[in-house]
Amino acid sequence: MPAHNSLRIGILGGLFDPPHIYHLISAQWILQEFDLKKIVFVPAYNPPHKSKYSSYIHRLRMIKMATRGNKDFLVSEVERYVKGKTYTVEVIKRLKSQQKFLFPLKISDLKAVEFYLIIGADQWNEITHWKDPARLFKECRIIVMPRPGFRIKRIKPFYKYILISNTPLMNISSTMIRNRIKEGLSIDYLVTPAVGRYIIRQNLYR
């Protein structure tokens, strides 16, 4: 994809419970596929459609460990500052309004930034159940990643506005990793070594 004058930033939200290699592989792929400047990982704080998950501080530490060493990856704590349920549209609006949530990236004019929200096909297929999807499309572009077992539905009126990624299909999930830990199985190569050590040290998911 050709270069653009605006600063193009990808936003990848999620529980990251724990973050795994496919989060990193897909982020790096999309960064280059859509000529983005940075990918900002946003760990969920109080997600509306989830009820059971590890503490925010554990998940924040792990995603910081997982992305450390990649100058194109940032982690934002913006969801800590959104009151109530952290709906995606509210998070994007907060990111667009305050430079501090994109630290250490220095942006003189946030209006010159194009935000690209990265979601999976499973999430896209539920987009009409999200809070104010029409407003979300006004706030950012949306990139949809393929997912094993999910067809990207032609949801009107939004389908014509999405960008579809060619990220490779990998059936790796945080749920699978948590289950392997419970069963006493190895998670080597499914998470980064630092995240693996942290999980052991904190005795998570057992």
N, C-alpha and C. Protein backbone atom coordinates (compact mmCIF):
# COMPACT_ATOMS: atom_id res chain seq x y z
N MET A 1 0.86 -1.19 0.00
CA MET A 1 0.00 0.00 0.00
C MET A 1 0.90 1.24 0.00
N PRO A 2 0.61 2.27 -0.81
CA PRO A 2 1.47 3.44 -0.91
C PRO A 2 1.47 4.27 0.36
N ALA A 3 2.52 5.07 0.50
CA ALA A 3 2.64 5.93 1.68
C ALA A 3 1.59 7.04 1.65
N HIS A 4 1.22 7.53 2.81
CA HIS A 4 0.22 8.59 2.93
C HIS A 4 0.81 9.72 3.76
N ASN A 5 0.22 10.90 3.58
CA ASN A 5 0.71 12.07 4.31
C ASN A 5 0.31 12.03 5.78
N SER A 6 -0.88 11.49 6.08
CA SER A 6 -1.34 11.46 7.46
C SER A 6 -0.58 10.39 8.24
N LEU A 7 -0.59 10.55 9.55
CA LEU A 7 0.05 9.57 10.44
C LEU A 7 -0.96 8.46 10.72
N ARG A 8 -0.68 7.28 10.23
CA ARG A 8 -1.63 6.17 10.31
C ARG A 8 -1.25 5.25 11.48
N ILE A 9 -2.16 5.12 12.44
CA ILE A 9 -1.89 4.35 13.65
C ILE A 9 -2.94 3.25 13.81
N GLY A 10 -2.47 2.02 14.00
CA GLY A 10 -3.36 0.90 14.25
C GLY A 10 -3.66 0.74 15.73
N ILE A 11 -4.89 0.38 16.04
CA ILE A 11 -5.32 0.16 17.42
C ILE A 11 -5.76 -1.29 17.55
N LEU A 12 -5.07 -2.03 18.41
CA LEU A 12 -5.41 -3.44 18.64
C LEU A 12 -5.78 -3.63 20.10
N GLY A 13 -7.08 -3.75 20.36
CA GLY A 13 -7.54 -3.93 21.73
C GLY A 13 -7.80 -5.39 22.04
N GLY A 14 -7.94 -5.69 23.30
CA GLY A 14 -8.25 -7.07 23.70
C GLY A 14 -7.95 -7.28 25.17
N LEU A 15 -8.34 -8.45 25.66
CA LEU A 15 -8.02 -8.79 27.04
C LEU A 15 -6.54 -9.11 27.20
N PHE A 16 -5.94 -9.73 26.19
CA PHE A 16 -4.54 -10.18 26.27
C PHE A 16 -4.32 -10.98 27.56
N ASP A 17 -5.10 -12.06 27.66
CA ASP A 17 -5.16 -12.83 28.90
C ASP A 17 -4.87 -14.32 28.65
N PRO A 18 -3.62 -14.67 28.27
CA PRO A 18 -2.44 -13.81 28.12
C PRO A 18 -2.24 -13.38 26.65
N PRO A 19 -1.34 -12.42 26.41
CA PRO A 19 -0.96 -12.11 25.03
C PRO A 19 -0.14 -13.26 24.45
N HIS A 20 -0.38 -13.57 23.20
CA HIS A 20 0.33 -14.71 22.58
C HIS A 20 0.97 -14.30 21.25
N ILE A 21 1.63 -15.24 20.63
CA ILE A 21 2.42 -14.89 19.44
C ILE A 21 1.55 -14.45 18.27
N TYR A 22 0.31 -14.91 18.19
CA TYR A 22 -0.51 -14.47 17.06
C TYR A 22 -0.90 -13.01 17.19
N HIS A 23 -1.05 -12.52 18.41
CA HIS A 23 -1.26 -11.07 18.58
C HIS A 23 -0.11 -10.30 17.93
N LEU A 24 1.11 -10.78 18.15
CA LEU A 24 2.30 -10.09 17.64
C LEU A 24 2.45 -10.29 16.13
N ILE A 25 2.24 -11.52 15.67
CA ILE A 25 2.37 -11.81 14.24
C ILE A 25 1.37 -11.00 13.43
N SER A 26 0.12 -10.99 13.86
CA SER A 26 -0.92 -10.27 13.10
C SER A 26 -0.68 -8.77 13.15
N ALA A 27 -0.23 -8.25 14.29
CA ALA A 27 0.04 -6.81 14.40
C ALA A 27 1.16 -6.39 13.45
N GLN A 28 2.24 -7.17 13.43
CA GLN A 28 3.36 -6.84 12.55
C GLN A 28 2.94 -6.94 11.09
N TRP A 29 2.15 -7.94 10.76
CA TRP A 29 1.68 -8.13 9.39
C TRP A 29 0.85 -6.91 8.94
N ILE A 30 -0.11 -6.52 9.77
CA ILE A 30 -1.01 -5.42 9.43
C ILE A 30 -0.27 -4.09 9.39
N LEU A 31 0.71 -3.92 10.25
CA LEU A 31 1.53 -2.70 10.24
C LEU A 31 2.07 -2.44 8.84
N GLN A 32 2.61 -3.50 8.23
CA GLN A 32 3.22 -3.35 6.90
C GLN A 32 2.18 -3.43 5.79
N GLU A 33 1.18 -4.25 5.97
CA GLU A 33 0.15 -4.42 4.93
C GLU A 33 -0.59 -3.12 4.64
N PHE A 34 -0.84 -2.34 5.71
CA PHE A 34 -1.61 -1.10 5.56
C PHE A 34 -0.76 0.15 5.76
N ASP A 35 0.55 -0.01 5.73
CA ASP A 35 1.47 1.12 5.80
C ASP A 35 1.19 1.99 7.04
N LEU A 36 1.08 1.31 8.18
CA LEU A 36 0.83 2.02 9.44
C LEU A 36 2.16 2.45 10.07
N LYS A 37 2.10 3.51 10.85
CA LYS A 37 3.31 4.00 11.53
C LYS A 37 3.58 3.22 12.81
N LYS A 38 2.52 2.98 13.57
CA LYS A 38 2.63 2.26 14.85
C LYS A 38 1.40 1.39 15.04
N ILE A 39 1.56 0.38 15.88
CA ILE A 39 0.41 -0.37 16.39
C ILE A 39 0.34 -0.10 17.89
N VAL A 40 -0.83 0.35 18.35
CA VAL A 40 -1.03 0.61 19.77
C VAL A 40 -1.90 -0.51 20.35
N PHE A 41 -1.33 -1.25 21.28
CA PHE A 41 -2.07 -2.32 21.96
C PHE A 41 -2.81 -1.71 23.15
N VAL A 42 -4.10 -1.99 23.24
CA VAL A 42 -4.94 -1.41 24.30
C VAL A 42 -5.57 -2.53 25.12
N PRO A 43 -4.98 -2.89 26.26
CA PRO A 43 -5.60 -3.92 27.10
C PRO A 43 -6.93 -3.42 27.69
N ALA A 44 -7.93 -4.28 27.63
CA ALA A 44 -9.27 -3.92 28.11
C ALA A 44 -9.27 -3.78 29.63
N TYR A 45 -10.00 -2.80 30.11
CA TYR A 45 -10.09 -2.57 31.56
C TYR A 45 -11.41 -3.10 32.13
N ASN A 46 -12.51 -2.69 31.52
CA ASN A 46 -13.83 -3.11 32.01
C ASN A 46 -14.72 -3.41 30.80
N PRO A 47 -14.39 -4.48 30.05
CA PRO A 47 -15.08 -4.73 28.78
C PRO A 47 -16.55 -5.09 28.97
N PRO A 48 -17.42 -4.62 28.06
CA PRO A 48 -18.87 -4.82 28.23
C PRO A 48 -19.33 -6.25 28.02
N HIS A 49 -18.60 -7.05 27.24
CA HIS A 49 -19.10 -8.38 26.89
C HIS A 49 -18.31 -9.52 27.55
N LYS A 50 -17.50 -9.19 28.54
CA LYS A 50 -16.72 -10.21 29.25
C LYS A 50 -16.93 -10.02 30.75
N SER A 51 -16.90 -11.13 31.48
CA SER A 51 -17.09 -11.03 32.94
C SER A 51 -15.95 -11.66 33.73
N LYS A 52 -15.26 -12.64 33.13
CA LYS A 52 -14.18 -13.32 33.85
C LYS A 52 -12.86 -13.10 33.13
N TYR A 53 -11.92 -12.50 33.82
CA TYR A 53 -10.59 -12.28 33.24
C TYR A 53 -9.63 -11.93 34.36
N SER A 54 -8.35 -12.05 34.06
CA SER A 54 -7.31 -11.76 35.06
C SER A 54 -7.26 -10.27 35.36
N SER A 55 -6.59 -9.91 36.45
CA SER A 55 -6.51 -8.51 36.84
C SER A 55 -5.85 -7.68 35.74
N TYR A 56 -6.27 -6.43 35.65
CA TYR A 56 -5.75 -5.53 34.62
C TYR A 56 -4.23 -5.41 34.72
N ILE A 57 -3.72 -5.33 35.93
CA ILE A 57 -2.28 -5.09 36.09
C ILE A 57 -1.47 -6.27 35.54
N HIS A 58 -1.94 -7.51 35.73
CA HIS A 58 -1.25 -8.67 35.17
C HIS A 58 -1.26 -8.60 33.64
N ARG A 59 -2.42 -8.31 33.07
CA ARG A 59 -2.54 -8.28 31.62
C ARG A 59 -1.75 -7.13 31.01
N LEU A 60 -1.74 -6.00 31.70
CA LEU A 60 -0.95 -4.84 31.24
C LEU A 60 0.54 -5.19 31.25
N ARG A 61 1.00 -5.77 32.33
CA ARG A 61 2.43 -6.13 32.41
C ARG A 61 2.82 -7.11 31.32
N MET A 62 1.93 -8.09 31.06
CA MET A 62 2.27 -9.11 30.07
C MET A 62 2.32 -8.55 28.66
N ILE A 63 1.38 -7.67 28.30
CA ILE A 63 1.41 -7.13 26.94
C ILE A 63 2.60 -6.18 26.77
N LYS A 64 3.01 -5.52 27.84
CA LYS A 64 4.23 -4.69 27.76
C LYS A 64 5.46 -5.57 27.56
N MET A 65 5.50 -6.70 28.26
CA MET A 65 6.62 -7.63 28.08
C MET A 65 6.64 -8.19 26.66
N ALA A 66 5.46 -8.56 26.16
CA ALA A 66 5.37 -9.19 24.85
C ALA A 66 5.81 -8.27 23.73
N THR A 67 5.53 -6.97 23.87
CA THR A 67 5.81 -6.02 22.79
C THR A 67 7.15 -5.32 22.96
N ARG A 68 7.81 -5.54 24.08
CA ARG A 68 9.09 -4.86 24.34
C ARG A 68 10.11 -5.25 23.27
N GLY A 69 10.83 -4.26 22.80
CA GLY A 69 11.86 -4.52 21.80
C GLY A 69 11.41 -4.22 20.38
N ASN A 70 10.12 -3.99 20.18
CA ASN A 70 9.62 -3.62 18.86
C ASN A 70 9.28 -2.13 18.89
N LYS A 71 10.05 -1.32 18.20
CA LYS A 71 9.88 0.13 18.23
C LYS A 71 8.56 0.58 17.60
N ASP A 72 7.93 -0.31 16.82
CA ASP A 72 6.67 0.04 16.16
C ASP A 72 5.45 -0.33 16.99
N PHE A 73 5.66 -0.96 18.15
CA PHE A 73 4.57 -1.35 19.03
C PHE A 73 4.55 -0.47 20.28
N LEU A 74 3.37 0.02 20.62
CA LEU A 74 3.17 0.78 21.85
C LEU A 74 2.05 0.12 22.66
N VAL A 75 2.02 0.40 23.95
CA VAL A 75 0.93 -0.06 24.81
C VAL A 75 0.30 1.17 25.46
N SER A 76 -1.02 1.30 25.36
CA SER A 76 -1.71 2.44 25.96
C SER A 76 -2.59 1.97 27.12
N GLU A 77 -2.56 2.75 28.19
CA GLU A 77 -3.39 2.47 29.36
C GLU A 77 -4.68 3.29 29.35
N VAL A 78 -5.10 3.73 28.16
CA VAL A 78 -6.25 4.63 28.05
C VAL A 78 -7.51 4.09 28.71
N GLU A 79 -7.71 2.76 28.68
CA GLU A 79 -8.97 2.23 29.21
C GLU A 79 -9.11 2.41 30.72
N ARG A 80 -8.00 2.61 31.39
CA ARG A 80 -8.07 2.86 32.84
C ARG A 80 -8.80 4.16 33.14
N TYR A 81 -8.86 5.06 32.16
CA TYR A 81 -9.39 6.40 32.39
C TYR A 81 -10.77 6.60 31.78
N VAL A 82 -11.38 5.52 31.32
CA VAL A 82 -12.74 5.59 30.79
C VAL A 82 -13.68 5.08 31.89
N LYS A 83 -14.64 5.89 32.28
CA LYS A 83 -15.56 5.50 33.36
C LYS A 83 -16.57 4.47 32.85
N GLY A 84 -16.92 3.54 33.75
CA GLY A 84 -17.91 2.53 33.41
C GLY A 84 -17.35 1.51 32.44
N LYS A 85 -18.23 0.91 31.66
CA LYS A 85 -17.82 -0.08 30.68
C LYS A 85 -16.97 0.59 29.59
N THR A 86 -15.92 -0.10 29.19
CA THR A 86 -15.00 0.50 28.21
C THR A 86 -15.42 0.12 26.79
N TYR A 87 -16.41 0.84 26.30
CA TYR A 87 -16.89 0.62 24.94
C TYR A 87 -15.85 1.16 23.95
N THR A 88 -15.67 0.43 22.85
CA THR A 88 -14.62 0.76 21.89
C THR A 88 -14.76 2.18 21.36
N VAL A 89 -15.96 2.61 21.05
CA VAL A 89 -16.13 3.95 20.48
C VAL A 89 -15.66 5.02 21.45
N GLU A 90 -15.88 4.82 22.75
CA GLU A 90 -15.44 5.79 23.75
C GLU A 90 -13.92 5.78 23.89
N VAL A 91 -13.33 4.59 23.78
CA VAL A 91 -11.88 4.46 23.89
C VAL A 91 -11.20 5.17 22.71
N ILE A 92 -11.72 4.97 21.51
CA ILE A 92 -11.15 5.62 20.33
C ILE A 92 -11.26 7.14 20.45
N LYS A 93 -12.39 7.63 20.91
CA LYS A 93 -12.56 9.09 21.08
C LYS A 93 -11.56 9.63 22.09
N ARG A 94 -11.30 8.88 23.16
CA ARG A 94 -10.34 9.32 24.17
C ARG A 94 -8.92 9.33 23.58
N LEU A 95 -8.57 8.31 22.82
CA LEU A 95 -7.26 8.26 22.18
C LEU A 95 -7.06 9.44 21.24
N LYS A 96 -8.13 9.81 20.55
CA LYS A 96 -8.04 10.89 19.56
C LYS A 96 -7.96 12.28 20.20
N SER A 97 -8.32 12.35 21.46
CA SER A 97 -8.41 13.67 22.09
C SER A 97 -7.23 14.03 22.98
N GLN A 98 -6.47 13.02 23.43
CA GLN A 98 -5.40 13.31 24.39
C GLN A 98 -4.10 12.60 24.02
N GLN A 99 -3.10 13.39 23.76
CA GLN A 99 -1.79 12.90 23.37
C GLN A 99 -1.18 11.95 24.41
N LYS A 100 -1.48 12.19 25.68
CA LYS A 100 -0.82 11.39 26.74
C LYS A 100 -1.12 9.90 26.61
N PHE A 101 -2.25 9.55 25.98
CA PHE A 101 -2.60 8.13 25.87
C PHE A 101 -1.84 7.44 24.74
N LEU A 102 -1.05 8.21 23.99
CA LEU A 102 -0.21 7.64 22.94
C LEU A 102 1.27 7.81 23.26
N PHE A 103 1.58 8.11 24.51
CA PHE A 103 2.97 8.26 24.96
C PHE A 103 3.72 6.95 24.71
N PRO A 104 4.97 7.00 24.27
CA PRO A 104 5.86 8.15 24.08
C PRO A 104 5.82 8.74 22.67
N LEU A 105 4.84 8.32 21.86
CA LEU A 105 4.74 8.87 20.51
C LEU A 105 4.44 10.36 20.59
N LYS A 106 5.23 11.17 19.90
CA LYS A 106 5.06 12.63 19.93
C LYS A 106 4.26 13.05 18.69
N ILE A 107 3.08 13.58 18.93
CA ILE A 107 2.20 14.01 17.85
C ILE A 107 1.80 15.46 18.11
N SER A 108 2.18 16.34 17.21
CA SER A 108 1.88 17.76 17.41
C SER A 108 0.42 18.07 17.13
N ASP A 109 -0.21 17.30 16.24
CA ASP A 109 -1.60 17.57 15.87
C ASP A 109 -2.36 16.25 15.75
N LEU A 110 -3.16 15.94 16.75
CA LEU A 110 -3.89 14.68 16.75
C LEU A 110 -4.90 14.61 15.60
N LYS A 111 -5.31 15.76 15.07
CA LYS A 111 -6.25 15.77 13.95
C LYS A 111 -5.61 15.23 12.68
N ALA A 112 -4.28 15.19 12.67
CA ALA A 112 -3.57 14.69 11.49
C ALA A 112 -3.37 13.19 11.54
N VAL A 113 -3.90 12.56 12.58
CA VAL A 113 -3.73 11.11 12.76
C VAL A 113 -4.96 10.38 12.20
N GLU A 114 -4.70 9.32 11.45
CA GLU A 114 -5.76 8.41 11.03
C GLU A 114 -5.66 7.16 11.89
N PHE A 115 -6.75 6.83 12.57
CA PHE A 115 -6.76 5.65 13.42
C PHE A 115 -7.41 4.48 12.68
N TYR A 116 -6.78 3.31 12.81
CA TYR A 116 -7.27 2.10 12.18
C TYR A 116 -7.51 1.06 13.26
N LEU A 117 -8.77 0.78 13.56
CA LEU A 117 -9.12 -0.21 14.57
C LEU A 117 -9.01 -1.60 13.96
N ILE A 118 -8.27 -2.49 14.61
CA ILE A 118 -8.04 -3.84 14.12
C ILE A 118 -8.90 -4.82 14.92
N ILE A 119 -9.78 -5.53 14.23
CA ILE A 119 -10.64 -6.50 14.90
C ILE A 119 -10.65 -7.81 14.12
N GLY A 120 -11.05 -8.89 14.78
CA GLY A 120 -11.14 -10.19 14.13
C GLY A 120 -12.50 -10.37 13.46
N ALA A 121 -12.58 -11.34 12.55
CA ALA A 121 -13.84 -11.62 11.85
C ALA A 121 -14.95 -11.95 12.84
N ASP A 122 -14.61 -12.63 13.94
CA ASP A 122 -15.61 -12.98 14.95
C ASP A 122 -16.21 -11.71 15.56
N GLN A 123 -15.36 -10.70 15.82
CA GLN A 123 -15.84 -9.43 16.38
C GLN A 123 -16.65 -8.66 15.33
N TRP A 124 -16.13 -8.64 14.10
CA TRP A 124 -16.83 -7.94 13.02
C TRP A 124 -18.25 -8.47 12.85
N ASN A 125 -18.43 -9.76 12.94
CA ASN A 125 -19.74 -10.35 12.72
C ASN A 125 -20.76 -9.96 13.80
N GLU A 126 -20.26 -9.38 14.89
CA GLU A 126 -21.14 -8.91 15.97
C GLU A 126 -21.21 -7.38 16.01
N ILE A 127 -20.74 -6.71 14.98
CA ILE A 127 -20.58 -5.25 15.02
C ILE A 127 -21.89 -4.51 15.28
N THR A 128 -23.00 -5.05 14.82
CA THR A 128 -24.28 -4.35 15.03
C THR A 128 -24.71 -4.38 16.50
N HIS A 129 -24.06 -5.23 17.30
CA HIS A 129 -24.37 -5.29 18.74
C HIS A 129 -23.43 -4.40 19.55
N TRP A 130 -22.46 -3.77 18.89
CA TRP A 130 -21.54 -2.87 19.58
C TRP A 130 -22.24 -1.55 19.85
N LYS A 131 -21.72 -0.79 20.78
CA LYS A 131 -22.27 0.53 21.05
C LYS A 131 -21.98 1.47 19.89
N ASP A 132 -23.03 2.02 19.31
CA ASP A 132 -22.95 3.08 18.29
C ASP A 132 -21.95 2.78 17.17
N PRO A 133 -22.17 1.68 16.43
CA PRO A 133 -21.22 1.33 15.37
C PRO A 133 -21.10 2.40 14.29
N ALA A 134 -22.20 3.11 14.00
CA ALA A 134 -22.13 4.17 12.99
C ALA A 134 -21.14 5.25 13.41
N ARG A 135 -21.16 5.59 14.70
CA ARG A 135 -20.23 6.60 15.21
C ARG A 135 -18.79 6.07 15.16
N LEU A 136 -18.62 4.79 15.45
CA LEU A 136 -17.29 4.19 15.43
C LEU A 136 -16.66 4.34 14.04
N PHE A 137 -17.46 4.13 13.00
CA PHE A 137 -16.94 4.26 11.64
C PHE A 137 -16.59 5.71 11.29
N LYS A 138 -17.20 6.65 11.98
CA LYS A 138 -16.83 8.06 11.77
C LYS A 138 -15.53 8.41 12.49
N GLU A 139 -15.25 7.69 13.56
CA GLU A 139 -14.07 7.98 14.37
C GLU A 139 -12.81 7.32 13.81
N CYS A 140 -12.95 6.20 13.08
CA CYS A 140 -11.77 5.47 12.63
C CYS A 140 -12.10 4.59 11.43
N ARG A 141 -11.05 4.12 10.77
CA ARG A 141 -11.21 3.06 9.77
C ARG A 141 -11.17 1.73 10.53
N ILE A 142 -11.71 0.69 9.93
CA ILE A 142 -11.72 -0.62 10.59
C ILE A 142 -11.09 -1.66 9.67
N ILE A 143 -10.11 -2.36 10.22
CA ILE A 143 -9.44 -3.46 9.53
C ILE A 143 -9.94 -4.76 10.15
N VAL A 144 -10.41 -5.67 9.31
CA VAL A 144 -10.92 -6.96 9.79
C VAL A 144 -9.94 -8.06 9.43
N MET A 145 -9.54 -8.82 10.44
CA MET A 145 -8.65 -9.96 10.23
C MET A 145 -9.47 -11.24 10.06
N PRO A 146 -9.08 -12.13 9.16
CA PRO A 146 -9.76 -13.42 9.07
C PRO A 146 -9.54 -14.24 10.33
N ARG A 147 -10.49 -15.10 10.63
CA ARG A 147 -10.37 -15.99 11.78
C ARG A 147 -10.79 -17.39 11.34
N PRO A 148 -10.10 -18.43 11.81
CA PRO A 148 -10.51 -19.80 11.47
C PRO A 148 -11.96 -20.05 11.90
N GLY A 149 -12.77 -20.53 10.96
CA GLY A 149 -14.15 -20.88 11.29
C GLY A 149 -15.14 -19.74 11.21
N PHE A 150 -14.69 -18.53 10.81
CA PHE A 150 -15.59 -17.39 10.74
C PHE A 150 -15.57 -16.80 9.33
N ARG A 151 -16.74 -16.68 8.73
CA ARG A 151 -16.88 -16.00 7.44
C ARG A 151 -17.09 -14.51 7.71
N ILE A 152 -16.43 -13.66 6.98
CA ILE A 152 -16.61 -12.21 7.15
C ILE A 152 -17.93 -11.83 6.48
N LYS A 153 -18.93 -11.57 7.30
CA LYS A 153 -20.28 -11.32 6.78
C LYS A 153 -20.36 -9.94 6.10
N ARG A 154 -21.23 -9.86 5.11
CA ARG A 154 -21.46 -8.60 4.39
C ARG A 154 -22.54 -7.79 5.13
N ILE A 155 -22.15 -7.26 6.26
CA ILE A 155 -23.11 -6.56 7.12
C ILE A 155 -23.34 -5.15 6.60
N LYS A 156 -24.60 -4.85 6.28
CA LYS A 156 -24.96 -3.51 5.80
C LYS A 156 -25.26 -2.61 6.98
N PRO A 157 -24.98 -1.31 6.88
CA PRO A 157 -24.37 -0.60 5.74
C PRO A 157 -22.85 -0.50 5.86
N PHE A 158 -22.24 -1.28 6.76
CA PHE A 158 -20.84 -1.04 7.12
C PHE A 158 -19.82 -1.79 6.26
N TYR A 159 -20.25 -2.89 5.65
CA TYR A 159 -19.29 -3.77 4.97
C TYR A 159 -18.44 -3.02 3.94
N LYS A 160 -19.05 -2.12 3.21
CA LYS A 160 -18.32 -1.43 2.13
C LYS A 160 -17.23 -0.50 2.66
N TYR A 161 -17.23 -0.24 3.96
CA TYR A 161 -16.24 0.67 4.54
C TYR A 161 -15.05 -0.05 5.18
N ILE A 162 -15.14 -1.35 5.35
CA ILE A 162 -14.06 -2.05 6.06
C ILE A 162 -12.89 -2.37 5.13
N LEU A 163 -11.74 -2.56 5.73
CA LEU A 163 -10.56 -3.06 5.04
C LEU A 163 -10.34 -4.49 5.52
N ILE A 164 -10.08 -5.41 4.61
CA ILE A 164 -9.91 -6.81 4.99
C ILE A 164 -8.44 -7.18 4.88
N SER A 165 -7.88 -7.67 5.96
CA SER A 165 -6.47 -8.04 6.00
C SER A 165 -6.25 -9.44 5.43
N ASN A 166 -5.04 -9.65 4.97
CA ASN A 166 -4.64 -10.98 4.50
C ASN A 166 -3.73 -11.67 5.52
N THR A 167 -3.91 -11.36 6.79
CA THR A 167 -3.11 -12.02 7.82
C THR A 167 -3.26 -13.53 7.72
N PRO A 168 -2.18 -14.28 7.95
CA PRO A 168 -2.28 -15.73 7.88
C PRO A 168 -3.18 -16.28 8.99
N LEU A 169 -3.89 -17.33 8.67
CA LEU A 169 -4.78 -17.95 9.66
C LEU A 169 -3.97 -18.82 10.61
N MET A 170 -4.13 -18.54 11.91
CA MET A 170 -3.48 -19.36 12.94
C MET A 170 -4.48 -19.57 14.06
N ASN A 171 -4.75 -20.80 14.38
CA ASN A 171 -5.76 -21.10 15.40
C ASN A 171 -5.13 -21.13 16.79
N ILE A 172 -4.62 -19.96 17.19
CA ILE A 172 -4.02 -19.79 18.53
C ILE A 172 -4.87 -18.78 19.28
N SER A 173 -5.23 -19.11 20.50
CA SER A 173 -6.06 -18.21 21.30
C SER A 173 -5.60 -18.21 22.75
N SER A 174 -5.97 -17.17 23.46
CA SER A 174 -5.66 -17.09 24.89
C SER A 174 -6.37 -18.20 25.66
N THR A 175 -7.59 -18.54 25.22
CA THR A 175 -8.34 -19.62 25.87
C THR A 175 -7.57 -20.94 25.77
N MET A 176 -7.04 -21.24 24.59
CA MET A 176 -6.27 -22.46 24.40
C MET A 176 -5.05 -22.49 25.31
N ILE A 177 -4.38 -21.35 25.43
CA ILE A 177 -3.18 -21.28 26.27
C ILE A 177 -3.54 -21.49 27.73
N ARG A 178 -4.61 -20.84 28.19
CA ARG A 178 -5.04 -21.02 29.59
C ARG A 178 -5.39 -22.49 29.86
N ASN A 179 -6.06 -23.12 28.90
CA ASN A 179 -6.42 -24.53 29.07
C ASN A 179 -5.19 -25.43 29.13
N ARG A 180 -4.20 -25.14 28.31
CA ARG A 180 -2.98 -25.94 28.33
C ARG A 180 -2.28 -25.82 29.69
N ILE A 181 -2.27 -24.61 30.24
CA ILE A 181 -1.65 -24.42 31.55
C ILE A 181 -2.40 -25.23 32.61
N LYS A 182 -3.73 -25.19 32.56
CA LYS A 182 -4.52 -25.95 33.53
C LYS A 182 -4.25 -27.45 33.42
N GLU A 183 -3.95 -27.90 32.20
CA GLU A 183 -3.69 -29.33 31.98
C GLU A 183 -2.23 -29.70 32.18
N GLY A 184 -1.42 -28.72 32.56
CA GLY A 184 -0.01 -28.99 32.81
C GLY A 184 0.82 -29.14 31.55
N LEU A 185 0.33 -28.62 30.42
CA LEU A 185 1.02 -28.75 29.14
C LEU A 185 1.89 -27.52 28.87
N SER A 186 2.86 -27.68 28.01
CA SER A 186 3.78 -26.59 27.69
C SER A 186 3.09 -25.51 26.85
N ILE A 187 3.48 -24.26 27.10
CA ILE A 187 3.04 -23.15 26.24
C ILE A 187 4.25 -22.50 25.56
N ASP A 188 5.38 -23.22 25.54
CA ASP A 188 6.56 -22.72 24.84
C ASP A 188 6.20 -22.43 23.39
N TYR A 189 6.69 -21.30 22.90
CA TYR A 189 6.50 -20.83 21.52
C TYR A 189 5.10 -20.31 21.24
N LEU A 190 4.19 -20.44 22.19
CA LEU A 190 2.86 -19.84 22.04
C LEU A 190 2.81 -18.45 22.64
N VAL A 191 3.67 -18.20 23.61
CA VAL A 191 3.84 -16.87 24.20
C VAL A 191 5.33 -16.55 24.17
N THR A 192 5.67 -15.29 24.35
CA THR A 192 7.09 -14.94 24.39
C THR A 192 7.71 -15.50 25.67
N PRO A 193 9.02 -15.73 25.69
CA PRO A 193 9.66 -16.27 26.90
C PRO A 193 9.39 -15.43 28.15
N ALA A 194 9.39 -14.09 27.99
CA ALA A 194 9.16 -13.22 29.16
C ALA A 194 7.75 -13.42 29.71
N VAL A 195 6.77 -13.52 28.83
CA VAL A 195 5.39 -13.75 29.27
C VAL A 195 5.27 -15.13 29.92
N GLY A 196 5.90 -16.13 29.34
CA GLY A 196 5.88 -17.47 29.93
C GLY A 196 6.44 -17.48 31.34
N ARG A 197 7.57 -16.79 31.53
CA ARG A 197 8.17 -16.73 32.87
C ARG A 197 7.26 -15.99 33.85
N TYR A 198 6.61 -14.94 33.38
CA TYR A 198 5.72 -14.17 34.26
C TYR A 198 4.54 -15.02 34.70
N ILE A 199 3.97 -15.78 33.78
CA ILE A 199 2.84 -16.65 34.12
C ILE A 199 3.23 -17.66 35.19
N ILE A 200 4.42 -18.23 35.06
CA ILE A 200 4.90 -19.20 36.06
C ILE A 200 5.14 -18.50 37.40
N ARG A 201 5.80 -17.35 37.34
CA ARG A 201 6.16 -16.62 38.57
C ARG A 201 4.92 -16.19 39.35
N GLN A 202 3.88 -15.77 38.62
CA GLN A 202 2.65 -15.30 39.26
C GLN A 202 1.61 -16.40 39.46
N ASN A 203 1.97 -17.61 39.01
CA ASN A 203 1.07 -18.77 39.17
C ASN A 203 -0.31 -18.50 38.55
N LEU A 204 -0.31 -17.94 37.33
CA LEU A 204 -1.57 -17.60 36.67
C LEU A 204 -2.18 -18.82 35.97
N TYR A 205 -3.50 -18.82 35.91
CA TYR A 205 -4.30 -19.77 35.12
C TYR A 205 -4.26 -21.20 35.64
N ARG A 206 -3.84 -21.40 36.86
CA ARG A 206 -3.81 -22.76 37.39
C ARG A 206 -5.03 -23.06 38.25
